[in-house]
Protein backbone atom coordinates (compact mmCIF):
# COMPACT_ATOMS: atom_id res chain seq x y z
CA MET A 1 39.03 -43.60 -33.19
CA THR A 2 37.08 -41.54 -31.01
CA THR A 3 33.69 -41.66 -29.80
CA ALA A 4 32.70 -38.36 -31.60
CA ALA A 5 34.19 -39.31 -34.85
CA CYS A 6 32.14 -42.53 -34.94
CA PRO A 7 28.30 -41.67 -35.42
CA ALA A 8 27.55 -45.40 -34.91
CA HIS A 9 28.58 -45.12 -31.38
CA PRO A 10 26.19 -44.84 -28.34
CA GLY A 11 28.29 -42.00 -27.16
CA ALA A 12 27.60 -39.86 -30.38
CA PHE A 13 23.68 -39.58 -29.07
CA ARG A 14 21.83 -37.79 -26.67
CA PHE A 15 19.54 -40.31 -24.79
CA LEU A 16 17.26 -37.30 -23.95
CA ASP A 17 17.39 -35.82 -27.26
CA PRO A 18 13.79 -35.49 -28.78
CA ALA A 19 15.09 -36.14 -32.42
CA VAL A 20 16.29 -39.53 -30.52
CA TRP A 21 13.10 -40.20 -29.08
CA ALA A 22 11.08 -39.62 -32.25
CA SER A 23 13.03 -41.89 -34.45
CA PRO A 24 15.14 -44.06 -32.04
CA TRP A 25 16.48 -46.56 -34.55
CA ASP A 26 20.08 -45.39 -35.04
CA TYR A 27 20.54 -45.28 -31.54
CA TYR A 28 19.11 -49.00 -30.96
CA ARG A 29 21.63 -49.96 -33.52
CA ALA A 30 24.57 -48.58 -32.42
CA LEU A 31 23.61 -49.54 -28.76
CA HIS A 32 23.09 -53.18 -30.21
CA ALA A 33 26.60 -53.02 -32.14
CA HIS A 34 28.61 -50.97 -29.47
CA ALA A 35 27.24 -51.64 -26.18
CA PRO A 36 24.44 -53.79 -25.21
CA VAL A 37 24.48 -52.20 -21.66
CA TRP A 38 25.26 -48.84 -21.47
CA ARG A 39 25.33 -45.88 -18.90
CA ASP A 40 24.21 -42.86 -20.22
CA SER A 41 26.43 -40.08 -18.45
CA GLU A 42 23.68 -37.39 -18.61
CA THR A 43 21.21 -39.26 -16.69
CA GLY A 44 23.41 -41.51 -15.02
CA PHE A 45 20.50 -44.53 -16.32
CA TYR A 46 21.77 -47.61 -17.34
CA ILE A 47 20.27 -48.78 -20.77
CA VAL A 48 19.74 -52.45 -21.67
CA SER A 49 19.38 -53.03 -25.59
CA THR A 50 19.03 -56.82 -26.03
CA HIS A 51 16.26 -59.15 -25.77
CA ALA A 52 18.36 -61.86 -23.72
CA LEU A 53 19.42 -59.18 -21.34
CA VAL A 54 15.96 -57.63 -20.93
CA ASN A 55 14.50 -61.07 -19.97
CA GLU A 56 17.54 -61.65 -17.56
CA VAL A 57 17.02 -58.20 -15.77
CA LEU A 58 13.41 -58.21 -15.74
CA ARG A 59 13.46 -61.59 -14.15
CA ASP A 60 16.11 -61.11 -11.53
CA THR A 61 14.62 -58.64 -9.30
CA GLU A 62 17.45 -59.72 -6.95
CA ARG A 63 20.17 -57.77 -8.55
CA PHE A 64 18.09 -54.93 -11.11
CA SER A 65 15.57 -52.53 -9.82
CA ALA A 66 14.03 -49.62 -11.58
CA GLN A 67 13.60 -47.72 -8.58
CA VAL A 68 15.65 -44.25 -8.54
CA ASP A 69 18.39 -44.73 -5.67
CA ARG A 70 18.20 -41.35 -3.98
CA PRO A 71 21.85 -41.39 -2.74
CA ASN A 72 23.22 -41.86 -6.48
CA LEU A 73 21.41 -38.97 -8.03
CA ARG A 74 23.34 -35.78 -9.12
CA PRO A 75 23.22 -33.01 -6.61
CA GLY A 76 19.79 -31.28 -7.01
CA GLY A 77 18.13 -34.33 -7.98
CA LEU A 78 17.13 -35.76 -11.29
CA PRO A 79 17.92 -33.35 -14.47
CA GLU A 80 14.80 -31.52 -15.52
CA ALA A 81 14.89 -33.07 -19.04
CA VAL A 82 14.29 -36.82 -17.36
CA LYS A 83 11.28 -35.00 -15.20
CA ALA A 84 9.90 -34.44 -18.23
CA VAL A 85 10.32 -37.57 -19.91
């Protein structure tokens, strides 16, 4: 089954879609079920969705960071939609 055919897969959602931000619960359920760690292809951001993994990320500052690494950004910097969030 393809990602587009499966609405319960995180790839069926756009992270920056205002509708997802207004009511993210279906997106959260899809992340928990299919991809507790998900790389959003539009932003390049990694989304961690389970309590245990979020705790691990928050406690391990050697391996994880919220800093944006400029060399890893897309040409032209952050997408405008990300800057607006």
